[in-house]
Amino acid sequence: MIRKRGSLIFCGAFLFVTWNALMVLLLWGRPPTMQLGEGGEVAELPTSDMVRDLLRMTDAFEEELARQKNILLLIQNHQSLWEPPKRKKESVLVPAQPVIPVLVIACNRVTVRRCLDKLLQHRPSAELFPVIVSQDCGHADTAEVIRSYGDKVTHLKQPDLSDIPVRPEHKKFQGYYKISRHYRWALNQVFKSLSHSSVVIVEDDLEVAPDFFEYFGALLPVLKSDPNLWCVSAWNDNGRDGYVDPAKAELLYRTDFFPGLGWMLLREVWEELEPKWPASFWDDWMRQPEQRRGRACIRPEISRTLTFGRQGVSLGQFYDKYLRYIKLNTEYVPFTTLDLSYLKEKTYREDFEREVYNASVVAYEDVRQGRLKGAGPFRLQYSSKNSFKVLAKNLGIMDDLKSGVPRTGYRGVVSFLFRGRRIYLAPPPGWTQYDPSWS
């Protein structure tokens, strides 16, 4: 409508100017009065009427030109109002970001509040990272704490609170059986009832780092694209202060050991595991070769979770000696902007083995006494289960093995910092596979 109005005004202005120009030409074209001059020539003799007419016409013509000029200036000044609006650039469709729910496994700890407070404090989006709390045990005070968060979290309750029949010698492990049952039920709720395609699992005694969500958001595509990965963990079993490099908060590793303690799982992997899910000790079951199937997990140099739960079914196993000293990352790393292609299986394996086996071989006494020369890294070699356990224990890293795999190990190699130097506790060159009898 605006465009049509502008066209009419321009046409009117054009016709107006043209009409007046024609009138001037017609008047100028009136035949003048003539007489014969000397020699018989025709001479034009303007009459007084003709002069007056010309003067009148000139004045009128000047006035009309001035009026037309004002009209055209007015049109020019308001032209933007009549022009059609410029077409907006076509919007580029941005792929929808994936939704990654965080499943909190809870039971009877009212300190779940510490876990939830940190999750909600650091969560960048309620839509992209919904928090689902699955509660077992039926503990009323814990349920009340969870309810106090209202619609900030989804509160699920495991309906089967009955004791599980176990062998007499496993009576003391009843708690482990209930935990395994709860995990199975809760993961089915996330993947089957709520139809999510991935999940990050934390327990109610974990505190998360500021970049916890950034970490998992960046690593989900890595996990999905690599069939040789089956989880991403926020945990470093040897991540005590002094054993990690604070200047490399962005550094990530592949590990053959399933770390747990804040980990991401895909629905496809759950569909593989759920039919054979164990009655108890689910985490050690995950570490068996039949489940791992040669796959690795991603883990960080500096942990993105910290456990504060000394009391539990494990009765504080490892807590006082190791877990309470784990360093929680405080530096926000923008993982989604980093190039993580170095984590691809072939690239990572070749680079890692090259660095490990090109490192200088050193003796335990030199490492322990701080007699190493140069910046490193250095390789400390073990050749048996016993030699590994002695070296690990004396150097202050975790010395237990599960199905032959050392904690944080990748192809038998455990990486850590000792007295400011990078140490690789490694098997001899030519390592091929783990020995499950080393457990």
Protein backbone atom coordinates (compact mmCIF):
# COMPACT_ATOMS: atom_id res chain seq x y z
CA MET A 1 0.00 0.00 0.00
CA ILE A 2 2.85 2.39 0.91
CA ARG A 3 4.67 1.57 -2.31
CA LYS A 4 1.52 2.28 -4.37
CA ARG A 5 1.02 5.63 -2.65
CA GLY A 6 4.60 6.69 -3.43
CA SER A 7 4.17 5.83 -7.10
CA LEU A 8 0.98 7.94 -7.36
CA ILE A 9 2.69 10.97 -5.82
CA PHE A 10 5.62 10.76 -8.21
CA CYS A 11 3.26 10.41 -11.19
CA GLY A 12 1.23 13.42 -10.03
CA ALA A 13 4.34 15.55 -9.65
CA PHE A 14 5.53 14.58 -13.11
CA LEU A 15 2.18 15.39 -14.77
CA PHE A 16 1.97 18.69 -12.93
CA VAL A 17 5.38 19.84 -14.16
CA THR A 18 4.71 18.63 -17.69
CA TRP A 19 1.35 20.43 -17.92
CA ASN A 20 2.84 23.75 -16.87
CA ALA A 21 5.72 23.38 -19.29
CA LEU A 22 3.28 22.82 -22.15
CA MET A 23 1.30 25.89 -21.17
CA VAL A 24 4.45 28.00 -21.24
CA LEU A 25 5.38 26.71 -24.65
CA LEU A 26 1.90 27.43 -26.01
CA LEU A 27 1.96 30.96 -24.73
CA TRP A 28 5.40 31.52 -26.10
CA GLY A 29 4.10 30.21 -29.40
CA ARG A 30 1.39 32.93 -29.86
CA PRO A 31 1.83 34.71 -33.23
CA PRO A 32 3.28 38.17 -32.70
CA THR A 33 2.08 41.43 -34.45
CA MET A 34 4.29 42.17 -37.54
CA GLN A 35 4.92 45.10 -39.89
CA LEU A 36 7.06 45.73 -42.96
CA GLY A 37 10.41 47.30 -42.30
CA GLU A 38 12.68 49.21 -44.59
CA GLY A 39 13.46 47.30 -47.76
CA GLY A 40 10.27 45.37 -47.45
CA GLU A 41 11.57 43.18 -44.55
CA VAL A 42 9.12 41.91 -42.07
CA ALA A 43 9.77 43.30 -38.60
CA GLU A 44 8.30 42.06 -35.34
CA LEU A 45 6.68 44.78 -33.36
CA PRO A 46 5.71 43.55 -29.91
CA THR A 47 2.65 45.20 -28.57
CA SER A 48 2.29 46.48 -25.00
CA ASP A 49 -0.25 43.69 -24.36
CA MET A 50 2.25 41.13 -25.53
CA VAL A 51 4.97 42.46 -23.22
CA ARG A 52 2.60 42.46 -20.26
CA ASP A 53 1.58 38.90 -21.08
CA LEU A 54 5.20 37.80 -21.25
CA LEU A 55 6.02 39.45 -17.93
CA ARG A 56 2.98 37.86 -16.31
CA MET A 57 3.88 34.47 -17.74
CA THR A 58 7.48 34.78 -16.56
CA ASP A 59 6.40 35.64 -13.01
CA ALA A 60 3.87 32.83 -12.99
CA PHE A 61 6.43 30.40 -14.41
CA GLU A 62 8.99 31.30 -11.72
CA GLU A 63 6.39 30.94 -8.97
CA GLU A 64 5.31 27.58 -10.34
CA LEU A 65 8.89 26.33 -10.58
CA ALA A 66 9.50 27.34 -6.97
CA ARG A 67 6.31 25.56 -5.86
CA GLN A 68 7.24 22.42 -7.83
CA LYS A 69 10.75 22.50 -6.31
CA ASN A 70 9.24 22.56 -2.81
CA ILE A 71 6.96 19.67 -3.70
CA LEU A 72 9.87 17.60 -5.03
CA LEU A 73 11.96 18.38 -1.93
CA LEU A 74 9.08 17.26 0.26
CA ILE A 75 8.79 14.02 -1.71
CA GLN A 76 12.54 13.41 -1.39
CA ASN A 77 12.50 14.00 2.36
CA HIS A 78 9.68 11.48 2.87
CA GLN A 79 10.82 8.96 0.30
CA SER A 80 11.96 6.50 2.99
CA LEU A 81 8.39 6.29 4.27
CA TRP A 82 7.09 5.15 0.91
CA GLU A 83 9.87 2.74 -0.02
CA PRO A 84 9.14 -0.90 0.66
CA PRO A 85 10.98 -2.25 3.73
CA LYS A 86 14.29 -3.89 2.95
CA ARG A 87 14.11 -7.66 2.98
CA LYS A 88 15.72 -9.08 6.07
CA LYS A 89 18.58 -11.46 5.59
CA GLU A 90 17.39 -15.00 5.58
CA SER A 91 17.94 -16.47 9.01
CA VAL A 92 20.50 -19.24 9.20
CA LEU A 93 19.15 -22.30 10.91
CA VAL A 94 21.36 -23.14 13.87
CA PRO A 95 21.27 -26.81 14.78
CA ALA A 96 19.46 -27.37 18.04
CA GLN A 97 21.82 -28.07 20.91
CA PRO A 98 21.46 -31.51 22.45
CA VAL A 99 19.73 -31.93 25.79
CA ILE A 100 22.00 -33.63 28.33
CA PRO A 101 20.14 -34.51 31.54
CA VAL A 102 22.07 -34.86 34.78
CA LEU A 103 20.89 -37.83 36.84
CA VAL A 104 21.58 -37.51 40.56
CA ILE A 105 21.52 -40.87 42.37
CA ALA A 106 20.28 -40.16 45.90
CA CYS A 107 19.36 -42.19 48.95
CA ASN A 108 19.50 -41.00 52.55
CA ARG A 109 21.96 -38.10 52.55
CA VAL A 110 20.44 -34.71 53.34
CA THR A 111 23.78 -33.32 52.14
CA VAL A 112 22.42 -33.87 48.65
CA ARG A 113 21.74 -30.14 49.00
CA ARG A 114 25.45 -29.42 48.49
CA CYS A 115 25.42 -31.44 45.29
CA LEU A 116 22.25 -29.81 43.95
CA ASP A 117 23.29 -26.29 44.93
CA LYS A 118 26.49 -26.56 42.88
CA LEU A 119 24.73 -28.15 39.92
CA LEU A 120 22.14 -25.37 39.80
CA GLN A 121 24.74 -22.67 40.44
CA HIS A 122 26.92 -23.71 37.49
CA ARG A 123 24.17 -24.90 35.12
CA PRO A 124 24.05 -22.62 32.05
CA SER A 125 20.58 -23.71 30.91
CA ALA A 126 17.69 -25.51 32.60
CA GLU A 127 16.38 -26.58 29.19
CA LEU A 128 19.66 -28.08 27.94
CA PHE A 129 20.70 -29.61 31.27
CA PRO A 130 17.62 -30.75 33.20
CA VAL A 131 18.46 -32.14 36.65
CA ILE A 132 16.73 -35.40 37.56
CA VAL A 133 17.06 -36.66 41.13
CA SER A 134 16.30 -40.36 41.54
CA GLN A 135 15.85 -41.26 45.20
CA ASP A 136 16.06 -44.72 46.72
CA CYS A 137 15.73 -45.66 50.42
CA GLY A 138 12.55 -43.66 51.10
CA HIS A 139 14.37 -41.35 53.52
CA ALA A 140 11.87 -38.61 54.47
CA ASP A 141 14.35 -35.87 55.37
CA THR A 142 16.27 -36.34 52.12
CA ALA A 143 13.00 -36.31 50.17
CA GLU A 144 12.07 -33.03 51.82
CA VAL A 145 15.39 -31.45 50.81
CA ILE A 146 14.84 -32.52 47.21
CA ARG A 147 11.25 -31.24 47.22
CA SER A 148 12.45 -27.86 48.44
CA TYR A 149 13.96 -27.18 44.99
CA GLY A 150 10.50 -27.20 43.39
CA ASP A 151 10.49 -27.30 39.61
CA LYS A 152 14.24 -26.68 39.38
CA VAL A 153 14.69 -30.45 39.54
CA THR A 154 12.64 -33.52 38.68
CA HIS A 155 12.20 -35.79 41.69
CA LEU A 156 11.82 -39.52 40.96
CA LYS A 157 11.33 -42.17 43.64
CA GLN A 158 12.50 -45.73 43.20
CA PRO A 159 9.36 -47.71 44.08
CA ASP A 160 10.91 -51.02 45.18
CA LEU A 161 12.42 -50.57 48.65
CA SER A 162 12.40 -54.25 49.60
CA ASP A 163 15.43 -56.22 50.69
CA ILE A 164 17.06 -58.31 48.00
CA PRO A 165 17.58 -62.04 48.64
CA VAL A 166 21.36 -62.69 48.73
CA ARG A 167 23.65 -65.50 49.76
CA PRO A 168 24.42 -65.53 53.49
CA GLU A 169 28.03 -64.51 52.90
CA HIS A 170 26.77 -61.46 50.93
CA LYS A 171 24.43 -60.26 53.67
CA LYS A 172 26.83 -57.43 54.49
CA PHE A 173 26.76 -56.35 50.84
CA GLN A 174 23.00 -55.77 50.75
CA GLY A 175 23.64 -52.07 50.09
CA TYR A 176 25.60 -52.82 46.91
CA TYR A 177 22.69 -54.92 45.62
CA LYS A 178 20.23 -52.08 46.24
CA ILE A 179 22.49 -49.56 44.54
CA SER A 180 22.74 -51.75 41.44
CA ARG A 181 18.96 -52.17 41.36
CA HIS A 182 18.51 -48.42 41.74
CA TYR A 183 20.92 -47.63 38.90
CA ARG A 184 19.08 -49.97 36.57
CA TRP A 185 15.69 -48.48 37.42
CA ALA A 186 16.89 -44.86 37.23
CA LEU A 187 18.69 -45.27 33.90
CA ASN A 188 15.61 -46.94 32.44
CA GLN A 189 13.58 -43.92 33.52
CA VAL A 190 15.99 -41.55 31.76
CA PHE A 191 16.38 -43.52 28.54
CA LYS A 192 13.04 -45.34 28.20
CA SER A 193 10.42 -43.30 30.06
CA LEU A 194 11.90 -39.83 29.36
CA SER A 195 13.45 -40.79 25.98
CA HIS A 196 16.79 -39.02 26.43
CA SER A 197 19.72 -40.04 24.23
CA SER A 198 22.49 -39.38 26.74
CA VAL A 199 22.91 -38.75 30.46
CA VAL A 200 25.51 -37.55 32.94
CA ILE A 201 25.37 -39.54 36.18
CA VAL A 202 26.47 -38.14 39.54
CA GLU A 203 25.88 -39.41 43.04
CA ASP A 204 24.54 -37.31 45.88
CA ASP A 205 27.97 -36.84 47.47
CA LEU A 206 29.62 -35.11 44.51
CA GLU A 207 30.37 -31.43 44.07
CA VAL A 208 30.91 -30.20 40.51
CA ALA A 209 33.39 -27.71 39.04
CA PRO A 210 32.38 -24.44 37.36
CA ASP A 211 33.05 -25.87 33.88
CA PHE A 212 31.36 -29.23 34.56
CA PHE A 213 28.58 -28.60 32.01
CA GLU A 214 30.97 -27.07 29.47
CA TYR A 215 33.14 -30.17 29.74
CA PHE A 216 30.35 -32.65 29.03
CA GLY A 217 28.73 -30.45 26.38
CA ALA A 218 31.98 -30.35 24.40
CA LEU A 219 32.72 -34.07 24.78
CA LEU A 220 29.31 -35.42 23.81
CA PRO A 221 30.10 -35.14 20.05
CA VAL A 222 33.47 -36.82 20.66
CA LEU A 223 31.78 -39.70 22.48
CA LYS A 224 29.14 -40.09 19.78
CA SER A 225 31.62 -40.07 16.91
CA ASP A 226 34.13 -42.60 18.28
CA PRO A 227 33.04 -46.25 18.55
CA ASN A 228 36.19 -46.95 20.57
CA LEU A 229 34.89 -44.76 23.40
CA TRP A 230 32.10 -45.77 25.74
CA CYS A 231 32.07 -43.07 28.43
CA VAL A 232 33.31 -39.64 29.44
CA SER A 233 34.26 -39.16 33.09
CA ALA A 234 34.86 -36.01 35.10
CA TRP A 235 37.17 -37.89 37.49
CA ASN A 236 40.91 -38.49 37.80
CA ASP A 237 41.63 -41.27 40.33
CA ASN A 238 45.14 -39.91 40.84
CA GLY A 239 44.06 -36.28 40.72
CA ARG A 240 45.35 -35.23 44.12
CA ASP A 241 46.91 -31.81 44.51
CA GLY A 242 50.59 -32.15 43.63
CA TYR A 243 49.95 -35.05 41.23
CA VAL A 244 48.30 -32.95 38.52
CA ASP A 245 49.55 -30.01 36.49
CA PRO A 246 47.59 -26.87 37.49
CA ALA A 247 48.76 -25.15 34.30
CA LYS A 248 47.03 -27.77 32.12
CA ALA A 249 43.41 -27.64 33.21
CA GLU A 250 42.41 -28.19 29.57
CA LEU A 251 44.37 -31.44 29.20
CA LEU A 252 42.31 -34.60 28.56
CA TYR A 253 43.24 -38.27 28.30
CA ARG A 254 41.92 -41.56 27.05
CA THR A 255 41.86 -44.23 29.73
CA ASP A 256 41.11 -47.95 29.71
CA PHE A 257 39.91 -47.76 33.32
CA PHE A 258 36.26 -46.93 33.94
CA PRO A 259 36.48 -44.01 36.42
CA GLY A 260 32.83 -43.26 37.27
CA LEU A 261 32.22 -40.41 39.75
CA GLY A 262 30.48 -38.10 37.30
CA TRP A 263 30.28 -39.82 33.93
CA MET A 264 28.37 -39.64 30.65
CA LEU A 265 26.65 -42.58 28.99
CA LEU A 266 24.85 -42.92 25.64
CA ARG A 267 21.52 -44.67 25.21
CA GLU A 268 23.06 -47.12 22.73
CA VAL A 269 25.55 -48.29 25.35
CA TRP A 270 22.80 -48.62 27.95
CA GLU A 271 20.76 -50.75 25.57
CA GLU A 272 23.81 -53.00 25.31
CA LEU A 273 24.40 -53.18 29.10
CA GLU A 274 20.87 -53.21 30.54
CA PRO A 275 19.89 -56.80 29.59
CA LYS A 276 22.89 -58.18 31.49
CA TRP A 277 23.08 -55.56 34.26
CA PRO A 278 24.58 -57.13 37.41
CA ALA A 279 22.80 -57.68 40.70
CA SER A 280 25.60 -55.92 42.62
CA PHE A 281 29.00 -54.23 42.33
CA TRP A 282 28.00 -52.62 39.04
CA ASP A 283 31.12 -50.41 38.76
CA ASP A 284 33.60 -53.29 39.00
CA TRP A 285 31.40 -55.22 36.58
CA MET A 286 31.76 -52.31 34.12
CA ARG A 287 35.53 -52.75 34.32
CA GLN A 288 35.48 -56.36 33.18
CA PRO A 289 36.75 -57.10 29.64
CA GLU A 290 33.34 -58.52 28.63
CA GLN A 291 31.73 -55.13 29.17
CA ARG A 292 34.60 -52.80 28.25
CA ARG A 293 35.35 -54.67 25.02
CA GLY A 294 38.57 -52.77 24.43
CA ARG A 295 36.84 -49.38 24.63
CA ALA A 296 38.18 -46.35 26.49
CA CYS A 297 36.80 -43.40 28.43
CA ILE A 298 37.84 -39.74 28.37
CA ARG A 299 39.07 -38.32 31.67
CA PRO A 300 40.60 -34.95 32.65
CA GLU A 301 43.98 -34.02 34.07
CA ILE A 302 42.15 -32.12 36.83
CA SER A 303 38.89 -33.55 38.15
CA ARG A 304 35.59 -31.79 37.49
CA THR A 305 33.97 -33.53 40.47
CA LEU A 306 34.89 -33.84 44.14
CA THR A 307 33.45 -36.39 46.55
CA PHE A 308 32.54 -35.25 50.04
CA GLY A 309 30.81 -38.48 51.08
CA ARG A 310 33.06 -40.35 53.46
CA GLN A 311 30.17 -42.39 54.81
CA GLY A 312 28.45 -44.87 52.50
CA VAL A 313 28.19 -48.52 51.63
CA SER A 314 31.95 -48.61 50.93
CA LEU A 315 32.60 -47.41 54.51
CA GLY A 316 35.00 -44.74 53.34
CA GLN A 317 37.28 -47.07 51.36
CA PHE A 318 40.14 -44.98 49.89
CA TYR A 319 38.51 -41.76 51.13
CA ASP A 320 40.91 -40.76 53.91
CA LYS A 321 44.03 -41.71 51.96
CA TYR A 322 43.16 -40.51 48.46
CA LEU A 323 39.71 -39.17 47.70
CA ARG A 324 39.54 -36.34 50.20
CA TYR A 325 42.65 -34.80 48.61
CA ILE A 326 41.42 -34.79 45.02
CA LYS A 327 41.88 -31.35 43.45
CA LEU A 328 38.68 -29.86 42.04
CA ASN A 329 39.18 -27.66 39.01
CA THR A 330 38.48 -23.97 39.61
CA GLU A 331 39.61 -22.53 36.25
CA TYR A 332 36.83 -22.31 33.65
CA VAL A 333 38.01 -23.96 30.44
CA PRO A 334 35.94 -23.17 27.29
CA PHE A 335 36.09 -26.74 25.98
CA THR A 336 33.49 -26.10 23.28
CA THR A 337 35.93 -23.70 21.56
CA LEU A 338 38.92 -26.05 21.70
CA ASP A 339 40.15 -28.47 19.05
CA LEU A 340 39.61 -31.90 20.62
CA SER A 341 40.58 -33.92 17.56
CA TYR A 342 43.73 -35.11 19.33
CA LEU A 343 41.47 -37.44 21.35
CA LYS A 344 40.62 -39.56 18.29
CA GLU A 345 41.72 -43.13 18.91
CA LYS A 346 44.48 -43.59 16.29
CA THR A 347 45.88 -40.08 16.67
CA TYR A 348 45.87 -40.23 20.45
CA ARG A 349 47.42 -43.72 20.68
CA GLU A 350 50.27 -42.91 18.33
CA ASP A 351 51.06 -39.55 19.96
CA PHE A 352 50.80 -40.95 23.48
CA GLU A 353 53.00 -43.98 22.86
CA ARG A 354 55.57 -41.85 21.05
CA GLU A 355 55.82 -39.48 24.00
CA VAL A 356 55.91 -42.25 26.62
CA TYR A 357 58.51 -44.47 24.94
CA ASN A 358 60.71 -41.58 23.82
CA ALA A 359 60.91 -40.37 27.42
CA SER A 360 64.10 -41.05 29.37
CA VAL A 361 63.97 -44.20 31.52
CA VAL A 362 64.74 -43.40 35.16
CA ALA A 363 65.19 -45.34 38.39
CA TYR A 364 62.70 -45.25 41.22
CA GLU A 365 65.29 -43.88 43.67
CA ASP A 366 66.00 -40.91 41.41
CA VAL A 367 62.30 -40.15 41.10
CA ARG A 368 61.67 -40.52 44.83
CA GLN A 369 64.68 -38.44 45.85
CA GLY A 370 64.04 -35.70 43.29
CA ARG A 371 67.31 -36.28 41.44
CA LEU A 372 65.84 -36.01 37.95
CA LYS A 373 67.58 -33.63 35.55
CA GLY A 374 65.68 -31.75 32.89
CA ALA A 375 62.03 -30.92 32.45
CA GLY A 376 60.92 -34.41 31.43
CA PRO A 377 58.75 -36.32 30.86
CA PHE A 378 60.34 -39.43 32.37
CA ARG A 379 59.47 -43.11 32.15
CA LEU A 380 59.53 -45.41 35.15
CA GLN A 381 59.16 -49.01 34.05
CA TYR A 382 57.36 -51.91 35.73
CA SER A 383 57.33 -55.50 34.53
CA SER A 384 54.92 -57.37 36.81
CA LYS A 385 51.86 -56.94 38.97
CA ASN A 386 54.00 -56.76 42.10
CA SER A 387 56.47 -54.25 40.69
CA PHE A 388 53.59 -52.02 39.62
CA LYS A 389 51.95 -52.15 43.04
CA VAL A 390 55.20 -51.45 44.90
CA LEU A 391 56.11 -48.48 42.69
CA ALA A 392 52.57 -47.05 42.75
CA LYS A 393 52.23 -47.37 46.51
CA ASN A 394 55.63 -45.82 47.22
CA LEU A 395 54.96 -42.92 44.86
CA GLY A 396 51.57 -42.21 46.41
CA ILE A 397 49.25 -43.12 43.52
CA MET A 398 46.47 -45.70 43.69
CA ASP A 399 47.92 -49.19 43.38
CA ASP A 400 44.83 -51.37 42.90
CA LEU A 401 43.96 -52.97 39.57
CA LYS A 402 40.57 -54.03 38.22
CA SER A 403 40.63 -56.85 35.66
CA GLY A 404 44.32 -56.07 35.32
CA VAL A 405 43.80 -52.39 34.47
CA PRO A 406 45.45 -49.77 36.74
CA ARG A 407 43.45 -46.69 37.68
CA THR A 408 43.79 -43.98 34.97
CA GLY A 409 45.81 -46.45 32.88
CA TYR A 410 45.95 -46.29 29.10
CA ARG A 411 47.67 -49.21 27.38
CA GLY A 412 49.18 -50.03 30.75
CA VAL A 413 50.60 -46.52 31.29
CA VAL A 414 49.72 -44.35 34.29
CA SER A 415 50.49 -40.63 33.90
CA PHE A 416 50.96 -38.32 36.90
CA LEU A 417 53.07 -35.47 38.24
CA PHE A 418 55.69 -36.07 40.96
CA ARG A 419 57.75 -33.25 42.40
CA GLY A 420 56.78 -31.12 39.42
CA ARG A 421 57.91 -33.62 36.76
CA ARG A 422 55.72 -35.68 34.44
CA ILE A 423 56.16 -39.39 35.18
CA TYR A 424 54.89 -42.26 33.06
CA LEU A 425 54.66 -45.48 35.04
CA ALA A 426 54.74 -47.82 32.07
CA PRO A 427 55.16 -51.45 31.01
CA PRO A 428 58.05 -52.32 28.67
CA PRO A 429 57.76 -51.40 24.98
CA GLY A 430 55.65 -53.81 22.97
CA TRP A 431 52.75 -53.99 25.47
CA THR A 432 49.78 -55.75 23.87
CA GLN A 433 47.04 -56.42 26.45
CA TYR A 434 46.03 -56.47 30.09
CA ASP A 435 46.23 -59.57 32.22
CA PRO A 436 42.96 -59.98 34.19
CA SER A 437 44.77 -62.20 36.71
CA TRP A 438 46.55 -59.05 37.99
CA SER A 439 43.47 -57.99 39.94
